[in-house]
Amino acid sequence: MSAPADLSLVIEAVRGLDLRPRRWQWVSLSLCVVDAVYSIGAHYDQHVLPVVRRVAADAGIETPSVPPPVTDLTDPLPLEAFLDRYDTVDALLAVTNNRQRTSPRGGILKAEAILL
């Protein structure tokens, strides 16, 4: 089966990426959302990991990540519980200690984007 011509450039670009399997996975979908939003335009090790780990620690999650693939986890911080715990932007900002925005040109706070 061949790819349509308009996808061939994308397929070739993906083949050229230096993709590596993840060494760990977050134990909660809520932590995945925090990771995804705080990853926008940020240095992962310096900014994203500390933010996600602060949220996990605040929520009492002692082991926020595990080696993959783990599929039978019970989410320790379901989205509903996350939104109950951090019911305002200020509540989430107090934990993340990070006021980055989604864009340098008028973007909203990443904490706000997470709650939305």
PDB file of N, CA and C in Angstrom:
ATOM      1  N   MET A   1       0.842  -1.170   0.000  1.00  0.00           N
ATOM      2  CA  MET A   1       0.000   0.000   0.000  1.00  0.00           C
ATOM      3  C   MET A   1       0.892   1.239   0.000  1.00  0.00           C
ATOM      4  N   SER A   2       0.649   2.146  -0.889  1.00  0.00           N
ATOM      5  CA  SER A   2       1.465   3.352  -0.949  1.00  0.00           C
ATOM      6  C   SER A   2       0.693   4.535  -0.383  1.00  0.00           C
ATOM      7  N   ALA A   3       1.429   5.476   0.148  1.00  0.00           N
ATOM      8  CA  ALA A   3       0.825   6.671   0.740  1.00  0.00           C
ATOM      9  C   ALA A   3       0.457   7.657  -0.351  1.00  0.00           C
ATOM     10  N   PRO A   4      -0.610   8.406  -0.149  1.00  0.00           N
ATOM     11  CA  PRO A   4      -0.941   9.460  -1.111  1.00  0.00           C
ATOM     12  C   PRO A   4       0.239  10.424  -1.239  1.00  0.00           C
ATOM     13  N   ALA A   5       0.379  11.016  -2.404  1.00  0.00           N
ATOM     14  CA  ALA A   5       1.523  11.897  -2.685  1.00  0.00           C
ATOM     15  C   ALA A   5       1.630  13.032  -1.681  1.00  0.00           C
ATOM     16  N   ASP A   6       0.513  13.570  -1.187  1.00  0.00           N
ATOM     17  CA  ASP A   6       0.578  14.706  -0.264  1.00  0.00           C
ATOM     18  C   ASP A   6       1.097  14.306   1.115  1.00  0.00           C
ATOM     19  N   LEU A   7       1.106  13.013   1.435  1.00  0.00           N
ATOM     20  CA  LEU A   7       1.631  12.564   2.723  1.00  0.00           C
ATOM     21  C   LEU A   7       3.075  12.082   2.640  1.00  0.00           C
ATOM     22  N   SER A   8       3.588  11.892   1.458  1.00  0.00           N
ATOM     23  CA  SER A   8       4.923  11.314   1.320  1.00  0.00           C
ATOM     24  C   SER A   8       6.000  12.188   1.959  1.00  0.00           C
ATOM     25  N   LEU A   9       5.879  13.502   1.858  1.00  0.00           N
ATOM     26  CA  LEU A   9       6.869  14.383   2.492  1.00  0.00           C
ATOM     27  C   LEU A   9       6.810  14.275   4.008  1.00  0.00           C
ATOM     28  N   VAL A  10       5.623  14.177   4.554  1.00  0.00           N
ATOM     29  CA  VAL A  10       5.467  14.029   6.003  1.00  0.00           C
ATOM     30  C   VAL A  10       6.046  12.703   6.459  1.00  0.00           C
ATOM     31  N   ILE A  11       5.751  11.657   5.728  1.00  0.00           N
ATOM     32  CA  ILE A  11       6.259  10.334   6.083  1.00  0.00           C
ATOM     33  C   ILE A  11       7.780  10.322   6.054  1.00  0.00           C
ATOM     34  N   GLU A  12       8.373  10.920   5.051  1.00  0.00           N
ATOM     35  CA  GLU A  12       9.839  10.978   4.976  1.00  0.00           C
ATOM     36  C   GLU A  12      10.421  11.800   6.112  1.00  0.00           C
ATOM     37  N   ALA A  13       9.767  12.884   6.479  1.00  0.00           N
ATOM     38  CA  ALA A  13      10.245  13.717   7.585  1.00  0.00           C
ATOM     39  C   ALA A  13      10.196  12.942   8.900  1.00  0.00           C
ATOM     40  N   VAL A  14       9.139  12.187   9.127  1.00  0.00           N
ATOM     41  CA  VAL A  14       9.017  11.384  10.349  1.00  0.00           C
ATOM     42  C   VAL A  14      10.089  10.306  10.380  1.00  0.00           C
ATOM     43  N   ARG A  15      10.360   9.698   9.258  1.00  0.00           N
ATOM     44  CA  ARG A  15      11.417   8.674   9.215  1.00  0.00           C
ATOM     45  C   ARG A  15      12.780   9.258   9.587  1.00  0.00           C
ATOM     46  N   GLY A  16      12.975  10.536   9.322  1.00  0.00           N
ATOM     47  CA  GLY A  16      14.244  11.178   9.615  1.00  0.00           C
ATOM     48  C   GLY A  16      14.391  11.644  11.059  1.00  0.00           C
ATOM     49  N   LEU A  17      13.320  11.559  11.836  1.00  0.00           N
ATOM     50  CA  LEU A  17      13.389  11.982  13.235  1.00  0.00           C
ATOM     51  C   LEU A  17      14.170  10.977  14.063  1.00  0.00           C
ATOM     52  N   ASP A  18      14.791  11.469  15.097  1.00  0.00           N
ATOM     53  CA  ASP A  18      15.530  10.606  16.011  1.00  0.00           C
ATOM     54  C   ASP A  18      14.596  10.230  17.161  1.00  0.00           C
ATOM     55  N   LEU A  19      13.621   9.374  16.873  1.00  0.00           N
ATOM     56  CA  LEU A  19      12.626   8.995  17.872  1.00  0.00           C
ATOM     57  C   LEU A  19      13.194   7.926  18.794  1.00  0.00           C
ATOM     58  N   ARG A  20      12.927   8.112  20.071  1.00  0.00           N
ATOM     59  CA  ARG A  20      13.373   7.146  21.069  1.00  0.00           C
ATOM     60  C   ARG A  20      12.192   6.784  21.952  1.00  0.00           C
ATOM     61  N   PRO A  21      12.111   5.544  22.361  1.00  0.00           N
ATOM     62  CA  PRO A  21      11.020   5.173  23.263  1.00  0.00           C
ATOM     63  C   PRO A  21      11.143   5.930  24.586  1.00  0.00           C
ATOM     64  N   ARG A  22      10.018   6.243  25.174  1.00  0.00           N
ATOM     65  CA  ARG A  22      10.030   6.914  26.478  1.00  0.00           C
ATOM     66  C   ARG A  22      10.581   5.966  27.521  1.00  0.00           C
ATOM     67  N   ARG A  23      11.295   6.525  28.477  1.00  0.00           N
ATOM     68  CA  ARG A  23      11.852   5.711  29.562  1.00  0.00           C
ATOM     69  C   ARG A  23      10.889   5.617  30.735  1.00  0.00           C
ATOM     70  N   TRP A  24       9.829   6.445  30.729  1.00  0.00           N
ATOM     71  CA  TRP A  24       8.860   6.449  31.824  1.00  0.00           C
ATOM     72  C   TRP A  24       7.536   7.013  31.319  1.00  0.00           C
ATOM     73  N   GLN A  25       6.510   6.822  32.101  1.00  0.00           N
ATOM     74  CA  GLN A  25       5.200   7.397  31.786  1.00  0.00           C
ATOM     75  C   GLN A  25       4.581   7.913  33.077  1.00  0.00           C
ATOM     76  N   TRP A  26       3.802   8.982  32.962  1.00  0.00           N
ATOM     77  CA  TRP A  26       3.099   9.525  34.119  1.00  0.00           C
ATOM     78  C   TRP A  26       2.018   8.547  34.558  1.00  0.00           C
ATOM     79  N   VAL A  27       1.718   8.519  35.859  1.00  0.00           N
ATOM     80  CA  VAL A  27       0.720   7.583  36.391  1.00  0.00           C
ATOM     81  C   VAL A  27      -0.688   8.165  36.390  1.00  0.00           C
ATOM     82  N   SER A  28      -0.833   9.414  35.954  1.00  0.00           N
ATOM     83  CA  SER A  28      -2.138  10.068  35.962  1.00  0.00           C
ATOM     84  C   SER A  28      -2.359  10.855  34.684  1.00  0.00           C
ATOM     85  N   LEU A  29      -3.575  10.798  34.171  1.00  0.00           N
ATOM     86  CA  LEU A  29      -3.924  11.603  33.009  1.00  0.00           C
ATOM     87  C   LEU A  29      -3.781  13.086  33.327  1.00  0.00           C
ATOM     88  N   SER A  30      -4.092  13.480  34.543  1.00  0.00           N
ATOM     89  CA  SER A  30      -3.947  14.885  34.934  1.00  0.00           C
ATOM     90  C   SER A  30      -2.497  15.341  34.806  1.00  0.00           C
ATOM     91  N   LEU A  31      -1.567  14.495  35.201  1.00  0.00           N
ATOM     92  CA  LEU A  31      -0.150  14.842  35.070  1.00  0.00           C
ATOM     93  C   LEU A  31       0.246  14.920  33.599  1.00  0.00           C
ATOM     94  N   CYS A  32      -0.365  14.083  32.765  1.00  0.00           N
ATOM     95  CA  CYS A  32      -0.114  14.150  31.318  1.00  0.00           C
ATOM     96  C   CYS A  32      -0.569  15.488  30.748  1.00  0.00           C
ATOM     97  N   VAL A  33      -1.711  15.977  31.210  1.00  0.00           N
ATOM     98  CA  VAL A  33      -2.215  17.269  30.734  1.00  0.00           C
ATOM     99  C   VAL A  33      -1.281  18.390  31.175  1.00  0.00           C
ATOM    100  N   VAL A  34      -0.856  18.366  32.433  1.00  0.00           N
ATOM    101  CA  VAL A  34       0.082  19.375  32.924  1.00  0.00           C
ATOM    102  C   VAL A  34       1.361  19.338  32.088  1.00  0.00           C
ATOM    103  N   ASP A  35       1.874  18.151  31.843  1.00  0.00           N
ATOM    104  CA  ASP A  35       3.071  17.971  31.016  1.00  0.00           C
ATOM    105  C   ASP A  35       2.863  18.557  29.621  1.00  0.00           C
ATOM    106  N   ALA A  36       1.758  18.220  28.988  1.00  0.00           N
ATOM    107  CA  ALA A  36       1.507  18.664  27.616  1.00  0.00           C
ATOM    108  C   ALA A  36       1.439  20.183  27.518  1.00  0.00           C
ATOM    109  N   VAL A  37       0.747  20.812  28.435  1.00  0.00           N
ATOM    110  CA  VAL A  37       0.591  22.269  28.361  1.00  0.00           C
ATOM    111  C   VAL A  37       1.888  22.975  28.735  1.00  0.00           C
ATOM    112  N   TYR A  38       2.528  22.553  29.810  1.00  0.00           N
ATOM    113  CA  TYR A  38       3.770  23.218  30.206  1.00  0.00           C
ATOM    114  C   TYR A  38       4.915  22.929  29.244  1.00  0.00           C
ATOM    115  N   SER A  39       4.767  21.938  28.363  1.00  0.00           N
ATOM    116  CA  SER A  39       5.800  21.648  27.358  1.00  0.00           C
ATOM    117  C   SER A  39       5.815  22.658  26.220  1.00  0.00           C
ATOM    118  N   ILE A  40       4.770  23.444  26.091  1.00  0.00           N
ATOM    119  CA  ILE A  40       4.693  24.406  24.988  1.00  0.00           C
ATOM    120  C   ILE A  40       5.831  25.423  25.120  1.00  0.00           C
ATOM    121  N   GLY A  41       6.770  25.363  24.205  1.00  0.00           N
ATOM    122  CA  GLY A  41       7.850  26.341  24.148  1.00  0.00           C
ATOM    123  C   GLY A  41       8.728  26.406  25.387  1.00  0.00           C
ATOM    124  N   ALA A  42       8.863  25.304  26.100  1.00  0.00           N
ATOM    125  CA  ALA A  42       9.646  25.315  27.337  1.00  0.00           C
ATOM    126  C   ALA A  42      10.717  24.225  27.301  1.00  0.00           C
ATOM    127  N   HIS A  43      11.775  24.447  28.036  1.00  0.00           N
ATOM    128  CA  HIS A  43      12.818  23.431  28.183  1.00  0.00           C
ATOM    129  C   HIS A  43      12.270  22.338  29.100  1.00  0.00           C
ATOM    130  N   TYR A  44      12.214  21.133  28.586  1.00  0.00           N
ATOM    131  CA  TYR A  44      11.531  20.054  29.291  1.00  0.00           C
ATOM    132  C   TYR A  44      12.135  19.758  30.662  1.00  0.00           C
ATOM    133  N   ASP A  45      13.432  19.509  30.711  1.00  0.00           N
ATOM    134  CA  ASP A  45      14.060  19.121  31.979  1.00  0.00           C
ATOM    135  C   ASP A  45      14.083  20.258  33.002  1.00  0.00           C
ATOM    136  N   GLN A  46      14.261  21.478  32.535  1.00  0.00           N
ATOM    137  CA  GLN A  46      14.388  22.611  33.455  1.00  0.00           C
ATOM    138  C   GLN A  46      13.053  23.159  33.938  1.00  0.00           C
ATOM    139  N   HIS A  47      12.015  23.056  33.126  1.00  0.00           N
ATOM    140  CA  HIS A  47      10.745  23.676  33.491  1.00  0.00           C
ATOM    141  C   HIS A  47       9.591  22.692  33.637  1.00  0.00           C
ATOM    142  N   VAL A  48       9.427  21.811  32.675  1.00  0.00           N
ATOM    143  CA  VAL A  48       8.256  20.933  32.666  1.00  0.00           C
ATOM    144  C   VAL A  48       8.333  19.886  33.778  1.00  0.00           C
ATOM    145  N   LEU A  49       9.413  19.137  33.839  1.00  0.00           N
ATOM    146  CA  LEU A  49       9.524  18.092  34.861  1.00  0.00           C
ATOM    147  C   LEU A  49       9.353  18.634  36.275  1.00  0.00           C
ATOM    148  N   PRO A  50      10.008  19.741  36.651  1.00  0.00           N
ATOM    149  CA  PRO A  50       9.787  20.259  38.005  1.00  0.00           C
ATOM    150  C   PRO A  50       8.333  20.647  38.273  1.00  0.00           C
ATOM    151  N   VAL A  51       7.657  21.223  37.289  1.00  0.00           N
ATOM    152  CA  VAL A  51       6.260  21.616  37.472  1.00  0.00           C
ATOM    153  C   VAL A  51       5.394  20.382  37.709  1.00  0.00           C
ATOM    154  N   VAL A  52       5.540  19.372  36.865  1.00  0.00           N
ATOM    155  CA  VAL A  52       4.720  18.168  37.005  1.00  0.00           C
ATOM    156  C   VAL A  52       5.023  17.485  38.335  1.00  0.00           C
ATOM    157  N   ARG A  53       6.271  17.434  38.710  1.00  0.00           N
ATOM    158  CA  ARG A  53       6.633  16.797  39.987  1.00  0.00           C
ATOM    159  C   ARG A  53       6.076  17.578  41.180  1.00  0.00           C
ATOM    160  N   ARG A  54       6.029  18.913  41.094  1.00  0.00           N
ATOM    161  CA  ARG A  54       5.432  19.704  42.176  1.00  0.00           C
ATOM    162  C   ARG A  54       3.941  19.419  42.310  1.00  0.00           C
ATOM    163  N   VAL A  55       3.254  19.327  41.175  1.00  0.00           N
ATOM    164  CA  VAL A  55       1.821  19.014  41.208  1.00  0.00           C
ATOM    165  C   VAL A  55       1.612  17.624  41.806  1.00  0.00           C
ATOM    166  N   ALA A  56       2.403  16.661  41.373  1.00  0.00           N
ATOM    167  CA  ALA A  56       2.275  15.295  41.899  1.00  0.00           C
ATOM    168  C   ALA A  56       2.524  15.269  43.407  1.00  0.00           C
ATOM    169  N   ALA A  57       3.566  15.934  43.845  1.00  0.00           N
ATOM    170  CA  ALA A  57       3.882  15.955  45.284  1.00  0.00           C
ATOM    171  C   ALA A  57       2.760  16.616  46.071  1.00  0.00           C
ATOM    172  N   ASP A  58       2.234  17.724  45.562  1.00  0.00           N
ATOM    173  CA  ASP A  58       1.146  18.413  46.249  1.00  0.00           C
ATOM    174  C   ASP A  58      -0.086  17.525  46.363  1.00  0.00           C
ATOM    175  N   ALA A  59      -0.306  16.674  45.366  1.00  0.00           N
ATOM    176  CA  ALA A  59      -1.465  15.779  45.369  1.00  0.00           C
ATOM    177  C   ALA A  59      -1.192  14.489  46.136  1.00  0.00           C
ATOM    178  N   GLY A  60       0.001  14.364  46.702  1.00  0.00           N
ATOM    179  CA  GLY A  60       0.331  13.182  47.485  1.00  0.00           C
ATOM    180  C   GLY A  60       0.719  11.969  46.662  1.00  0.00           C
ATOM    181  N   ILE A  61       1.120  12.189  45.422  1.00  0.00           N
ATOM    182  CA  ILE A  61       1.539  11.084  44.555  1.00  0.00           C
ATOM    183  C   ILE A  61       3.039  10.887  44.748  1.00  0.00           C
ATOM    184  N   GLU A  62       3.404   9.825  45.436  1.00  0.00           N
ATOM    185  CA  GLU A  62       4.809   9.583  45.765  1.00  0.00           C
ATOM    186  C   GLU A  62       5.627   9.108  44.571  1.00  0.00           C
ATOM    187  N   THR A  63       5.004   8.358  43.678  1.00  0.00           N
ATOM    188  CA  THR A  63       5.689   7.848  42.497  1.00  0.00           C
ATOM    189  C   THR A  63       4.913   8.328  41.274  1.00  0.00           C
ATOM    190  N   PRO A  64       5.263   9.515  40.745  1.00  0.00           N
ATOM    191  CA  PRO A  64       4.480  10.086  39.653  1.00  0.00           C
ATOM    192  C   PRO A  64       4.722   9.464  38.286  1.00  0.00           C
ATOM    193  N   SER A  65       5.799   8.682  38.154  1.00  0.00           N
ATOM    194  CA  SER A  65       6.075   8.060  36.858  1.00  0.00           C
ATOM    195  C   SER A  65       6.591   6.643  37.064  1.00  0.00           C
ATOM    196  N   VAL A  66       6.364   5.824  36.037  1.00  0.00           N
ATOM    197  CA  VAL A  66       6.790   4.427  36.055  1.00  0.00           C
ATOM    198  C   VAL A  66       7.327   4.072  34.677  1.00  0.00           C
ATOM    199  N   PRO A  67       8.161   3.038  34.587  1.00  0.00           N
ATOM    200  CA  PRO A  67       8.631   2.610  33.273  1.00  0.00           C
ATOM    201  C   PRO A  67       7.471   2.061  32.446  1.00  0.00           C
ATOM    202  N   PRO A  68       7.414   2.379  31.151  1.00  0.00           N
ATOM    203  CA  PRO A  68       6.330   1.849  30.323  1.00  0.00           C
ATOM    204  C   PRO A  68       6.635   0.424  29.875  1.00  0.00           C
ATOM    205  N   PRO A  69       5.689  -0.260  29.341  1.00  0.00           N
ATOM    206  CA  PRO A  69       4.288   0.127  29.243  1.00  0.00           C
ATOM    207  C   PRO A  69       3.501  -0.428  30.423  1.00  0.00           C
ATOM    208  N   VAL A  70       2.843   0.417  31.144  1.00  0.00           N
ATOM    209  CA  VAL A  70       1.955   0.007  32.230  1.00  0.00           C
ATOM    210  C   VAL A  70       0.554   0.459  31.838  1.00  0.00           C
ATOM    211  N   THR A  71      -0.360  -0.467  31.795  1.00  0.00           N
ATOM    212  CA  THR A  71      -1.706  -0.132  31.349  1.00  0.00           C
ATOM    213  C   THR A  71      -2.776  -0.376  32.405  1.00  0.00           C
ATOM    214  N   ASP A  72      -2.419  -0.985  33.509  1.00  0.00           N
ATOM    215  CA  ASP A  72      -3.427  -1.355  34.496  1.00  0.00           C
ATOM    216  C   ASP A  72      -3.389  -0.471  35.750  1.00  0.00           C
ATOM    217  N   LEU A  73      -2.948   0.773  35.594  1.00  0.00           N
ATOM    218  CA  LEU A  73      -2.862   1.682  36.741  1.00  0.00           C
ATOM    219  C   LEU A  73      -4.228   2.253  37.097  1.00  0.00           C
ATOM    220  N   THR A  74      -4.423   2.486  38.374  1.00  0.00           N
ATOM    221  CA  THR A  74      -5.565   3.267  38.825  1.00  0.00           C
ATOM    222  C   THR A  74      -5.072   4.701  38.930  1.00  0.00           C
ATOM    223  N   ASP A  75      -5.725   5.622  38.246  1.00  0.00           N
ATOM    224  CA  ASP A  75      -5.296   7.020  38.214  1.00  0.00           C
ATOM    225  C   ASP A  75      -5.404   7.628  39.611  1.00  0.00           C
ATOM    226  N   PRO A  76      -4.286   8.045  40.217  1.00  0.00           N
ATOM    227  CA  PRO A  76      -4.336   8.610  41.562  1.00  0.00           C
ATOM    228  C   PRO A  76      -4.879  10.047  41.605  1.00  0.00           C
ATOM    229  N   LEU A  77      -4.998  10.683  40.444  1.00  0.00           N
ATOM    230  CA  LEU A  77      -5.504  12.053  40.380  1.00  0.00           C
ATOM    231  C   LEU A  77      -6.346  12.218  39.112  1.00  0.00           C
ATOM    232  N   PRO A  78      -7.542  11.605  39.103  1.00  0.00           N
ATOM    233  CA  PRO A  78      -8.402  11.739  37.919  1.00  0.00           C
ATOM    234  C   PRO A  78      -8.688  13.208  37.620  1.00  0.00           C
ATOM    235  N   LEU A  79      -9.028  13.483  36.378  1.00  0.00           N
ATOM    236  CA  LEU A  79      -9.260  14.873  35.969  1.00  0.00           C
ATOM    237  C   LEU A  79     -10.273  15.586  36.864  1.00  0.00           C
ATOM    238  N   GLU A  80     -11.338  14.897  37.248  1.00  0.00           N
ATOM    239  CA  GLU A  80     -12.338  15.530  38.108  1.00  0.00           C
ATOM    240  C   GLU A  80     -11.734  15.932  39.446  1.00  0.00           C
ATOM    241  N   ALA A  81     -10.918  15.053  40.028  1.00  0.00           N
ATOM    242  CA  ALA A  81     -10.271  15.349  41.307  1.00  0.00           C
ATOM    243  C   ALA A  81      -9.253  16.489  41.140  1.00  0.00           C
ATOM    244  N   PHE A  82      -8.564  16.500  40.010  1.00  0.00           N
ATOM    245  CA  PHE A  82      -7.609  17.571  39.733  1.00  0.00           C
ATOM    246  C   PHE A  82      -8.325  18.915  39.700  1.00  0.00           C
ATOM    247  N   LEU A  83      -9.456  18.961  38.983  1.00  0.00           N
ATOM    248  CA  LEU A  83     -10.206  20.219  38.862  1.00  0.00           C
ATOM    249  C   LEU A  83     -10.844  20.625  40.189  1.00  0.00           C
ATOM    250  N   ASP A  84     -11.193  19.670  41.026  1.00  0.00           N
ATOM    251  CA  ASP A  84     -11.698  20.003  42.365  1.00  0.00           C
ATOM    252  C   ASP A  84     -10.575  20.559  43.242  1.00  0.00           C
ATOM    253  N   ARG A  85      -9.413  19.953  43.131  1.00  0.00           N
ATOM    254  CA  ARG A  85      -8.263  20.354  43.962  1.00  0.00           C
ATOM    255  C   ARG A  85      -7.735  21.730  43.550  1.00  0.00           C
ATOM    256  N   TYR A  86      -7.636  21.948  42.253  1.00  0.00           N
ATOM    257  CA  TYR A  86      -7.131  23.211  41.705  1.00  0.00           C
ATOM    258  C   TYR A  86      -8.293  23.900  40.994  1.00  0.00           C
ATOM    259  N   ASP A  87      -9.150  24.500  41.779  1.00  0.00           N
ATOM    260  CA  ASP A  87     -10.386  25.060  41.233  1.00  0.00           C
ATOM    261  C   ASP A  87     -10.238  26.484  40.718  1.00  0.00           C
ATOM    262  N   THR A  88      -9.059  27.077  40.895  1.00  0.00           N
ATOM    263  CA  THR A  88      -8.789  28.408  40.345  1.00  0.00           C
ATOM    264  C   THR A  88      -7.384  28.422  39.766  1.00  0.00           C
ATOM    265  N   VAL A  89      -7.141  29.366  38.902  1.00  0.00           N
ATOM    266  CA  VAL A  89      -5.799  29.533  38.333  1.00  0.00           C
ATOM    267  C   VAL A  89      -4.799  29.810  39.443  1.00  0.00           C
ATOM    268  N   ASP A  90      -5.182  30.657  40.396  1.00  0.00           N
ATOM    269  CA  ASP A  90      -4.271  30.979  41.503  1.00  0.00           C
ATOM    270  C   ASP A  90      -3.914  29.749  42.323  1.00  0.00           C
ATOM    271  N   ALA A  91      -4.859  28.840  42.515  1.00  0.00           N
ATOM    272  CA  ALA A  91      -4.575  27.615  43.269  1.00  0.00           C
ATOM    273  C   ALA A  91      -3.533  26.768  42.545  1.00  0.00           C
ATOM    274  N   LEU A  92      -3.659  26.675  41.234  1.00  0.00           N
ATOM    275  CA  LEU A  92      -2.692  25.895  40.466  1.00  0.00           C
ATOM    276  C   LEU A  92      -1.352  26.609  40.385  1.00  0.00           C
ATOM    277  N   LEU A  93      -1.374  27.928  40.231  1.00  0.00           N
ATOM    278  CA  LEU A  93      -0.128  28.694  40.187  1.00  0.00           C
ATOM    279  C   LEU A  93       0.653  28.568  41.492  1.00  0.00           C
ATOM    280  N   ALA A  94      -0.059  28.500  42.603  1.00  0.00           N
ATOM    281  CA  ALA A  94       0.605  28.372  43.898  1.00  0.00           C
ATOM    282  C   ALA A  94       1.421  27.088  43.984  1.00  0.00           C
ATOM    283  N   VAL A  95       0.974  26.053  43.298  1.00  0.00           N
ATOM    284  CA  VAL A  95       1.680  24.771  43.313  1.00  0.00           C
ATOM    285  C   VAL A  95       2.746  24.703  42.227  1.00  0.00           C
ATOM    286  N   THR A  96       2.404  25.145  41.027  1.00  0.00           N
ATOM    287  CA  THR A  96       3.359  25.034  39.920  1.00  0.00           C
ATOM    288  C   THR A  96       4.520  25.998  40.071  1.00  0.00           C
ATOM    289  N   ASN A  97       4.267  27.136  40.719  1.00  0.00           N
ATOM    290  CA  ASN A  97       5.297  28.162  40.878  1.00  0.00           C
ATOM    291  C   ASN A  97       5.889  28.529  39.516  1.00  0.00           C
ATOM    292  N   ASN A  98       5.010  28.624  38.524  1.00  0.00           N
ATOM    293  CA  ASN A  98       5.452  28.879  37.155  1.00  0.00           C
ATOM    294  C   ASN A  98       4.373  29.690  36.445  1.00  0.00           C
ATOM    295  N   ARG A  99       4.727  30.883  35.996  1.00  0.00           N
ATOM    296  CA  ARG A  99       3.771  31.778  35.364  1.00  0.00           C
ATOM    297  C   ARG A  99       3.982  31.881  33.845  1.00  0.00           C
ATOM    298  N   GLN A 100       4.499  30.820  33.254  1.00  0.00           N
ATOM    299  CA  GLN A 100       4.700  30.837  31.803  1.00  0.00           C
ATOM    300  C   GLN A 100       3.357  30.953  31.089  1.00  0.00           C
ATOM    301  N   ARG A 101       3.436  31.537  29.890  1.00  0.00           N
ATOM    302  CA  ARG A 101       2.250  31.702  29.058  1.00  0.00           C
ATOM    303  C   ARG A 101       2.326  30.758  27.868  1.00  0.00           C
ATOM    304  N   THR A 102       1.169  30.508  27.264  1.00  0.00           N
ATOM    305  CA  THR A 102       1.108  29.601  26.121  1.00  0.00           C
ATOM    306  C   THR A 102       1.755  30.199  24.877  1.00  0.00           C
ATOM    307  N   SER A 103       1.905  31.526  24.872  1.00  0.00           N
ATOM    308  CA  SER A 103       2.527  32.224  23.750  1.00  0.00           C
ATOM    309  C   SER A 103       3.136  33.514  24.272  1.00  0.00           C
ATOM    310  N   PRO A 104       4.275  33.925  23.720  1.00  0.00           N
ATOM    311  CA  PRO A 104       4.876  35.179  24.175  1.00  0.00           C
ATOM    312  C   PRO A 104       4.082  36.412  23.745  1.00  0.00           C
ATOM    313  N   ARG A 105       3.154  36.239  22.834  1.00  0.00           N
ATOM    314  CA  ARG A 105       2.362  37.368  22.330  1.00  0.00           C
ATOM    315  C   ARG A 105       0.911  37.237  22.770  1.00  0.00           C
ATOM    316  N   GLY A 106       0.642  37.547  24.001  1.00  0.00           N
ATOM    317  CA  GLY A 106      -0.724  37.556  24.488  1.00  0.00           C
ATOM    318  C   GLY A 106      -1.300  36.207  24.855  1.00  0.00           C
ATOM    319  N   GLY A 107      -0.474  35.203  24.961  1.00  0.00           N
ATOM    320  CA  GLY A 107      -0.973  33.885  25.347  1.00  0.00           C
ATOM    321  C   GLY A 107      -1.462  33.884  26.785  1.00  0.00           C
ATOM    322  N   ILE A 108      -2.375  32.998  27.077  1.00  0.00           N
ATOM    323  CA  ILE A 108      -2.878  32.891  28.443  1.00  0.00           C
ATOM    324  C   ILE A 108      -1.870  32.128  29.293  1.00  0.00           C
ATOM    325  N   LEU A 109      -2.007  32.236  30.594  1.00  0.00           N
ATOM    326  CA  LEU A 109      -1.148  31.482  31.484  1.00  0.00           C
ATOM    327  C   LEU A 109      -1.361  29.980  31.238  1.00  0.00           C
ATOM    328  N   LYS A 110      -0.287  29.238  31.293  1.00  0.00           N
ATOM    329  CA  LYS A 110      -0.402  27.793  31.085  1.00  0.00           C
ATOM    330  C   LYS A 110      -1.296  27.157  32.144  1.00  0.00           C
ATOM    331  N   ALA A 111      -1.252  27.669  33.361  1.00  0.00           N
ATOM    332  CA  ALA A 111      -2.140  27.150  34.404  1.00  0.00           C
ATOM    333  C   ALA A 111      -3.597  27.337  34.007  1.00  0.00           C
ATOM    334  N   GLU A 112      -3.916  28.465  33.412  1.00  0.00           N
ATOM    335  CA  GLU A 112      -5.278  28.703  32.949  1.00  0.00           C
ATOM    336  C   GLU A 112      -5.654  27.756  31.816  1.00  0.00           C
ATOM    337  N   ALA A 113      -4.730  27.543  30.904  1.00  0.00           N
ATOM    338  CA  ALA A 113      -4.989  26.623  29.781  1.00  0.00           C
ATOM    339  C   ALA A 113      -5.281  25.220  30.291  1.00  0.00           C
ATOM    340  N   ILE A 114      -4.574  24.794  31.302  1.00  0.00           N
ATOM    341  CA  ILE A 114      -4.798  23.463  31.869  1.00  0.00           C
ATOM    342  C   ILE A 114      -6.213  23.360  32.419  1.00  0.00           C
ATOM    343  N   LEU A 115      -6.638  24.363  33.148  1.00  0.00           N
ATOM    344  CA  LEU A 115      -7.967  24.310  33.756  1.00  0.00           C
ATOM    345  C   LEU A 115      -9.088  24.415  32.721  1.00  0.00           C
ATOM    346  N   LEU A 116      -8.802  25.091  31.615  1.00  0.00           N
ATOM    347  CA  LEU A 116      -9.807  25.169  30.561  1.00  0.00           C
ATOM    348  C   LEU A 116      -9.958  23.851  29.849  1.00  0.00           C
TER     349      LEU A 116
END
